[in-house]
Amino acid sequence: MKKIALLTSGGDAPGMNAAIRAIVLSCEYNNLSCLGFYHGYNGLIEDDFIPLSSQLVNAEIKNGGTLLKSARCPAMMTETGVKQACNTLLKNDIDCLIVIGGDGSFHGLLAIKAHWQGQVIGLPGTIDNDLYGCDKTIGFATAVNTATQAIDKIRDTANAFDRAFIVEVMGRHSGHIAFQVGLSCGAESIFSFENYNNENHREILKDLIAKIQTQQLNRKASYLVVLAENLWPGGASALQEQLKAQGDIESAICILGHTQRRGAPVPEDRVLATQLGLKAVDSALSGDDNIMLGLSANQLAKTDLNEAVSKNKPVDDEFITAHKGPLTHYLK
């Protein structure tokens, strides 16, 4: 009989609770014990857990956040912290550790694997969609939907005043949210890591100013800029100041921030999380180890954890080409 440990780590993502629910229900179906550790790896280090049951999780499929809580864990950056986490796993006779999280969470799994002989399995739970080995991460679809709804409302105000708006979206160092949201909202400009280069900053700014001036002069219309976080030097405020100083363009800023990580998961994320949660228990029973589970071309994909965190997952070139070409040619 196996005993499974489960935790959520790093930034929360809508759908984490759906994955927890699926794992717990599958454990009960297979007569396995499941312990949920609170506050990410902190709970593992501090031996802070709760036995999970269907009664506790069955209604959680519709809820955002994570019932197990989440947190950053600086102690996992030290050998002492990692060994303490391993000691907790040994003390509780854990056979398999399942972690729902992103890049940093999986680095923690790899650190544990270096000191512990049990199985480790990762489920991709991050709105950034930046993990190699899967088409979409748990939470990505909801984040895109949340940002799209917000920007649609912003567009109404922008149209009322024929104003330029700069909307900053999350994504850490990945442009998946920026491009999908920008395309879905019909943004006139999308700036992300895939199409922005600091070395060409002046040319990019000059081109943007020209496009906004052309749009507002010829069409008397709003202009929407979707900007990835951690990209523009000085952020959205700096871009706003540069548009005014160099182009006499008035603009407004909206930073969507953590709203993109909040709220009930959309059906796509609920289904994805449920599928991966069930597959995680199947993989544990099959003896799979040191893997991340995901869906690729609607098929279950098992990716080595080292590859999942080390390989790049670029934005589809078709999204970039579409935005550079037919969707914005009228601005030139």
Protein backbone atom coordinates (compact mmCIF):
# COMPACT_ATOMS: atom_id res chain seq x y z
CA MET A 1 0.00 0.00 0.00
CA LYS A 2 1.34 3.39 -1.01
CA LYS A 3 1.12 6.67 0.83
CA ILE A 4 1.12 9.86 -1.23
CA ALA A 5 2.11 13.35 -0.10
CA LEU A 6 0.72 16.38 -1.88
CA LEU A 7 1.49 20.09 -1.81
CA THR A 8 0.99 23.25 -3.86
CA SER A 9 3.91 25.62 -4.20
CA GLY A 10 4.79 29.00 -5.62
CA GLY A 11 2.22 31.30 -7.18
CA ASP A 12 -1.32 29.98 -6.94
CA ALA A 13 -3.11 29.10 -10.15
CA PRO A 14 -6.86 28.60 -10.74
CA GLY A 15 -7.43 24.87 -11.01
CA MET A 16 -5.05 23.79 -8.27
CA ASN A 17 -8.01 22.77 -6.11
CA ALA A 18 -9.46 20.75 -8.97
CA ALA A 19 -6.16 18.86 -9.25
CA ILE A 20 -6.05 18.28 -5.47
CA ARG A 21 -9.61 16.94 -5.60
CA ALA A 22 -8.83 14.53 -8.44
CA ILE A 23 -5.72 13.22 -6.68
CA VAL A 24 -7.56 12.63 -3.40
CA LEU A 25 -10.55 10.93 -5.04
CA SER A 26 -8.23 8.70 -7.06
CA CYS A 27 -6.25 7.83 -3.93
CA GLU A 28 -9.43 6.74 -2.16
CA TYR A 29 -10.50 4.72 -5.18
CA ASN A 30 -7.14 2.92 -5.15
CA ASN A 31 -7.04 2.51 -1.34
CA LEU A 32 -4.10 4.89 -0.94
CA SER A 33 -3.50 7.37 1.86
CA CYS A 34 -2.99 11.01 0.89
CA LEU A 35 -1.44 13.66 3.13
CA GLY A 36 -1.71 17.32 2.17
CA PHE A 37 1.09 19.58 3.39
CA TYR A 38 0.29 23.22 4.09
CA HIS A 39 2.03 26.31 2.69
CA GLY A 40 4.13 24.55 0.08
CA TYR A 41 7.53 23.22 1.04
CA ASN A 42 7.28 25.05 4.38
CA GLY A 43 4.71 22.50 5.49
CA LEU A 44 6.99 19.69 4.41
CA ILE A 45 9.90 21.12 6.40
CA GLU A 46 7.70 21.76 9.44
CA ASP A 47 5.75 18.48 9.18
CA ASP A 48 2.49 20.44 8.95
CA PHE A 49 -0.08 18.30 7.15
CA ILE A 50 -3.65 17.09 7.09
CA PRO A 51 -4.99 13.69 5.94
CA LEU A 52 -7.04 14.44 2.84
CA SER A 53 -10.41 12.83 2.15
CA SER A 54 -13.20 13.13 -0.39
CA GLN A 55 -15.34 14.95 2.18
CA LEU A 56 -12.77 17.71 2.42
CA VAL A 57 -12.14 18.19 -1.29
CA ASN A 58 -15.22 17.20 -3.24
CA ALA A 59 -16.70 20.70 -3.45
CA GLU A 60 -13.37 22.36 -4.27
CA ILE A 61 -13.40 21.89 -8.05
CA LYS A 62 -15.00 25.31 -8.56
CA ASN A 63 -12.78 27.27 -6.18
CA GLY A 64 -9.74 29.33 -7.03
CA GLY A 65 -6.60 29.52 -4.93
CA THR A 66 -5.47 26.38 -3.12
CA LEU A 67 -7.00 24.82 -0.03
CA LEU A 68 -3.51 23.65 0.99
CA LYS A 69 -2.23 27.23 0.84
CA SER A 70 0.98 28.15 -0.93
CA ALA A 71 4.15 30.07 -0.16
CA ARG A 72 7.69 30.72 -1.21
CA CYS A 73 10.20 28.74 0.79
CA PRO A 74 13.71 30.22 1.07
CA ALA A 75 14.73 27.27 3.26
CA MET A 76 14.50 25.00 0.21
CA MET A 77 17.45 26.90 -1.19
CA THR A 78 19.61 25.41 1.56
CA GLU A 79 20.79 21.84 2.04
CA THR A 80 19.53 21.90 5.61
CA GLY A 81 16.01 22.77 4.50
CA VAL A 82 15.98 20.12 1.78
CA LYS A 83 17.18 17.43 4.17
CA GLN A 84 14.55 18.40 6.72
CA ALA A 85 11.88 18.05 4.04
CA CYS A 86 13.25 14.60 3.21
CA ASN A 87 13.20 13.66 6.87
CA THR A 88 9.50 14.52 7.01
CA LEU A 89 8.83 12.26 4.04
CA LEU A 90 10.73 9.41 5.71
CA LYS A 91 9.05 9.98 9.07
CA ASN A 92 5.59 9.72 7.52
CA ASP A 93 6.45 6.71 5.33
CA ILE A 94 5.70 8.60 2.12
CA ASP A 95 6.15 6.65 -1.11
CA CYS A 96 5.43 9.42 -3.61
CA LEU A 97 5.49 13.22 -3.45
CA ILE A 98 3.25 15.10 -5.89
CA VAL A 99 3.84 18.84 -6.26
CA ILE A 100 1.53 21.20 -8.15
CA GLY A 101 3.44 24.31 -9.13
CA GLY A 102 5.79 25.95 -11.58
CA ASP A 103 9.48 26.22 -12.37
CA GLY A 104 10.67 27.02 -8.85
CA SER A 105 8.50 24.31 -7.33
CA PHE A 106 10.00 21.71 -9.63
CA HIS A 107 13.52 22.79 -8.73
CA GLY A 108 12.51 21.97 -5.16
CA LEU A 109 11.38 18.52 -6.29
CA LEU A 110 14.71 17.92 -7.97
CA ALA A 111 16.55 18.97 -4.80
CA ILE A 112 14.51 16.49 -2.77
CA LYS A 113 15.10 13.74 -5.30
CA ALA A 114 18.85 14.09 -4.75
CA HIS A 115 18.41 13.08 -1.09
CA TRP A 116 15.32 10.84 -1.08
CA GLN A 117 14.57 7.52 -2.76
CA GLY A 118 10.80 7.93 -3.16
CA GLN A 119 8.95 8.92 -6.32
CA VAL A 120 8.49 12.57 -7.27
CA ILE A 121 5.86 13.77 -9.73
CA GLY A 122 5.14 17.34 -10.81
CA LEU A 123 1.91 18.80 -12.17
CA PRO A 124 2.25 22.09 -14.08
CA GLY A 125 0.29 24.66 -12.07
CA THR A 126 1.17 28.21 -13.10
CA ILE A 127 -0.61 30.92 -15.05
CA ASP A 128 2.61 31.70 -16.93
CA ASN A 129 2.38 28.62 -19.20
CA ASP A 130 6.17 28.54 -19.33
CA LEU A 131 6.90 24.87 -18.61
CA TYR A 132 8.31 22.70 -21.36
CA GLY A 133 6.49 19.44 -22.08
CA CYS A 134 2.85 20.55 -22.07
CA ASP A 135 0.60 22.64 -24.28
CA LYS A 136 -1.01 24.49 -21.38
CA THR A 137 -0.39 24.70 -17.66
CA ILE A 138 -3.14 24.60 -15.05
CA GLY A 139 -4.40 28.15 -14.55
CA PHE A 140 -3.30 29.61 -17.88
CA ALA A 141 -6.73 29.52 -19.54
CA THR A 142 -8.35 31.23 -16.56
CA ALA A 143 -5.68 33.94 -16.44
CA VAL A 144 -6.18 34.67 -20.13
CA ASN A 145 -9.95 34.78 -19.66
CA THR A 146 -9.69 37.10 -16.64
CA ALA A 147 -7.34 39.50 -18.40
CA THR A 148 -9.44 39.47 -21.57
CA GLN A 149 -12.61 40.39 -19.70
CA ALA A 150 -10.82 43.21 -17.90
CA ILE A 151 -9.31 44.64 -21.08
CA ASP A 152 -12.63 44.46 -22.92
CA LYS A 153 -13.99 46.82 -20.26
CA ILE A 154 -10.93 49.04 -20.53
CA ARG A 155 -11.46 49.25 -24.29
CA ASP A 156 -14.93 50.74 -23.74
CA THR A 157 -13.42 53.62 -21.78
CA ALA A 158 -10.55 53.97 -24.25
CA ASN A 159 -13.02 54.21 -27.13
CA ALA A 160 -15.09 56.81 -25.31
CA PHE A 161 -12.08 59.12 -25.11
CA ASP A 162 -10.10 57.98 -28.19
CA ARG A 163 -7.31 57.36 -25.71
CA ALA A 164 -4.22 55.20 -25.66
CA PHE A 165 -4.16 52.61 -22.87
CA ILE A 166 -1.18 50.63 -21.61
CA VAL A 167 -2.25 47.39 -19.93
CA GLU A 168 0.42 45.35 -18.16
CA VAL A 169 -0.17 41.61 -17.84
CA MET A 170 1.66 38.94 -15.86
CA GLY A 171 3.79 36.11 -17.18
CA ARG A 172 7.09 36.41 -15.33
CA HIS A 173 9.52 36.09 -18.28
CA SER A 174 7.16 34.45 -20.74
CA GLY A 175 4.94 36.08 -23.35
CA HIS A 176 2.19 33.45 -23.52
CA ILE A 177 -0.32 35.54 -21.58
CA ALA A 178 0.62 38.77 -23.36
CA PHE A 179 0.16 37.37 -26.86
CA GLN A 180 -2.99 35.35 -26.21
CA VAL A 181 -4.63 38.23 -24.34
CA GLY A 182 -3.43 40.80 -26.85
CA LEU A 183 -4.78 38.86 -29.81
CA SER A 184 -8.07 38.06 -28.10
CA CYS A 185 -8.61 41.76 -27.29
CA GLY A 186 -7.52 43.10 -30.66
CA ALA A 187 -4.64 45.06 -29.17
CA GLU A 188 -2.92 47.39 -31.61
CA SER A 189 0.46 46.64 -30.04
CA ILE A 190 1.76 43.69 -28.03
CA PHE A 191 5.16 43.92 -26.40
CA SER A 192 6.71 40.83 -24.91
CA PHE A 193 10.03 39.02 -24.69
CA GLU A 194 9.55 37.51 -28.12
CA ASN A 195 9.34 40.79 -30.05
CA TYR A 196 11.12 43.35 -27.85
CA ASN A 197 14.86 43.92 -27.62
CA ASN A 198 16.47 46.46 -25.30
CA GLU A 199 19.08 47.23 -27.94
CA ASN A 200 16.31 48.47 -30.26
CA HIS A 201 14.41 50.35 -27.57
CA ARG A 202 14.59 53.74 -29.27
CA GLU A 203 13.42 52.40 -32.61
CA ILE A 204 10.57 50.47 -30.98
CA LEU A 205 9.42 53.53 -29.05
CA LYS A 206 9.63 55.73 -32.13
CA ASP A 207 7.59 53.23 -34.14
CA LEU A 208 4.97 52.96 -31.39
CA ILE A 209 4.60 56.74 -31.20
CA ALA A 210 4.14 56.94 -34.97
CA LYS A 211 1.49 54.21 -34.91
CA ILE A 212 -0.49 55.81 -32.10
CA GLN A 213 -0.36 59.23 -33.79
CA THR A 214 -1.45 57.72 -37.11
CA GLN A 215 -4.30 55.83 -35.44
CA GLN A 216 -5.60 58.84 -33.57
CA LEU A 217 -5.16 61.24 -36.48
CA ASN A 218 -6.72 59.12 -39.23
CA ARG A 219 -9.27 57.06 -37.37
CA LYS A 220 -10.00 59.01 -34.19
CA ALA A 221 -9.90 55.75 -32.27
CA SER A 222 -8.44 54.24 -29.14
CA TYR A 223 -5.09 52.48 -29.08
CA LEU A 224 -4.41 49.51 -26.83
CA VAL A 225 -0.91 48.41 -25.82
CA VAL A 226 -0.61 45.05 -24.05
CA LEU A 227 2.70 45.00 -22.19
CA ALA A 228 4.35 42.00 -20.53
CA GLU A 229 5.58 42.58 -17.00
CA ASN A 230 9.35 42.72 -16.37
CA LEU A 231 9.92 43.87 -19.95
CA TRP A 232 9.93 47.64 -20.60
CA PRO A 233 12.72 49.48 -18.76
CA GLY A 234 10.98 51.25 -15.91
CA GLY A 235 7.71 49.46 -16.56
CA ALA A 236 4.38 50.82 -17.78
CA SER A 237 4.89 54.16 -16.00
CA ALA A 238 8.12 54.77 -17.89
CA LEU A 239 6.42 53.98 -21.19
CA GLN A 240 3.62 56.39 -20.35
CA GLU A 241 6.11 59.16 -19.59
CA GLN A 242 8.06 58.50 -22.80
CA LEU A 243 4.91 58.64 -24.93
CA LYS A 244 4.09 62.04 -23.44
CA ALA A 245 7.61 63.46 -23.58
CA GLN A 246 8.50 62.29 -27.07
CA GLY A 247 5.12 62.11 -28.81
CA ASP A 248 2.84 64.39 -26.79
CA ILE A 249 0.56 61.38 -26.39
CA GLU A 250 -1.74 61.18 -23.39
CA SER A 251 -2.18 57.63 -22.17
CA ALA A 252 -3.61 55.74 -19.21
CA ILE A 253 -2.18 52.74 -17.38
CA CYS A 254 -3.83 49.65 -15.98
CA ILE A 255 -1.71 46.98 -14.27
CA LEU A 256 -3.86 43.88 -13.95
CA GLY A 257 -1.46 42.23 -11.50
CA HIS A 258 -2.64 39.44 -9.25
CA THR A 259 -6.24 39.61 -10.43
CA GLN A 260 -5.06 37.22 -13.16
CA ARG A 261 -4.26 34.56 -10.54
CA ARG A 262 -7.60 34.86 -8.77
CA GLY A 263 -11.16 33.64 -9.20
CA ALA A 264 -12.93 30.44 -10.12
CA PRO A 265 -11.16 28.36 -12.77
CA VAL A 266 -12.77 28.22 -16.19
CA PRO A 267 -14.01 24.80 -17.37
CA GLU A 268 -10.87 24.23 -19.46
CA ASP A 269 -8.67 24.48 -16.37
CA ARG A 270 -11.01 22.34 -14.27
CA VAL A 271 -10.92 19.56 -16.85
CA LEU A 272 -7.15 19.79 -17.39
CA ALA A 273 -6.47 19.75 -13.64
CA THR A 274 -8.78 16.78 -13.16
CA GLN A 275 -7.15 14.82 -15.97
CA LEU A 276 -3.65 15.46 -14.66
CA GLY A 277 -4.63 14.73 -11.07
CA LEU A 278 -5.99 11.32 -12.02
CA LYS A 279 -2.94 10.58 -14.17
CA ALA A 280 -0.62 11.54 -11.30
CA VAL A 281 -1.99 8.76 -9.13
CA ASP A 282 -1.87 6.30 -12.04
CA SER A 283 1.78 7.26 -12.58
CA ALA A 284 2.54 6.79 -8.89
CA LEU A 285 1.07 3.30 -9.00
CA SER A 286 3.02 2.54 -12.18
CA GLY A 287 6.32 3.51 -10.55
CA ASP A 288 6.96 6.62 -12.65
CA ASP A 289 9.54 8.90 -11.10
CA ASN A 290 11.14 12.33 -11.60
CA ILE A 291 8.56 13.42 -14.18
CA MET A 292 6.16 16.22 -14.96
CA LEU A 293 2.79 15.25 -16.38
CA GLY A 294 1.09 17.36 -19.01
CA LEU A 295 -1.08 17.20 -22.09
CA SER A 296 0.55 17.64 -25.49
CA ALA A 297 -1.64 17.42 -28.61
CA ASN A 298 -4.37 16.04 -26.31
CA GLN A 299 -2.14 13.14 -25.30
CA LEU A 300 -0.60 12.48 -21.90
CA ALA A 301 3.05 13.55 -21.91
CA LYS A 302 5.61 12.50 -19.33
CA THR A 303 8.56 14.89 -19.28
CA ASP A 304 11.72 14.50 -17.24
CA LEU A 305 11.69 17.18 -14.56
CA ASN A 306 15.13 18.39 -15.58
CA GLU A 307 13.87 19.02 -19.11
CA ALA A 308 10.67 20.65 -17.90
CA VAL A 309 12.61 23.35 -16.03
CA SER A 310 15.60 23.74 -18.35
CA LYS A 311 14.10 23.80 -21.84
CA ASN A 312 12.47 26.88 -23.29
CA LYS A 313 8.79 26.92 -24.25
CA PRO A 314 8.44 29.70 -26.81
CA VAL A 315 5.27 31.45 -27.89
CA ASP A 316 3.93 30.01 -31.13
CA ASP A 317 5.47 31.85 -34.09
CA GLU A 318 2.03 32.07 -35.70
CA PHE A 319 0.83 34.37 -32.91
CA ILE A 320 3.80 36.69 -33.40
CA THR A 321 3.47 36.67 -37.18
CA ALA A 322 -0.26 37.36 -37.06
CA HIS A 323 0.26 40.38 -34.85
CA LYS A 324 3.14 41.74 -36.92
CA GLY A 325 1.34 41.18 -40.22
CA PRO A 326 -2.30 41.33 -41.28
CA LEU A 327 -3.77 42.37 -37.92
CA THR A 328 -1.81 45.62 -37.64
CA HIS A 329 -0.79 46.53 -41.19
CA TYR A 330 -3.38 49.34 -41.27
CA LEU A 331 -1.38 51.21 -38.62
CA LYS A 332 1.57 51.77 -40.93
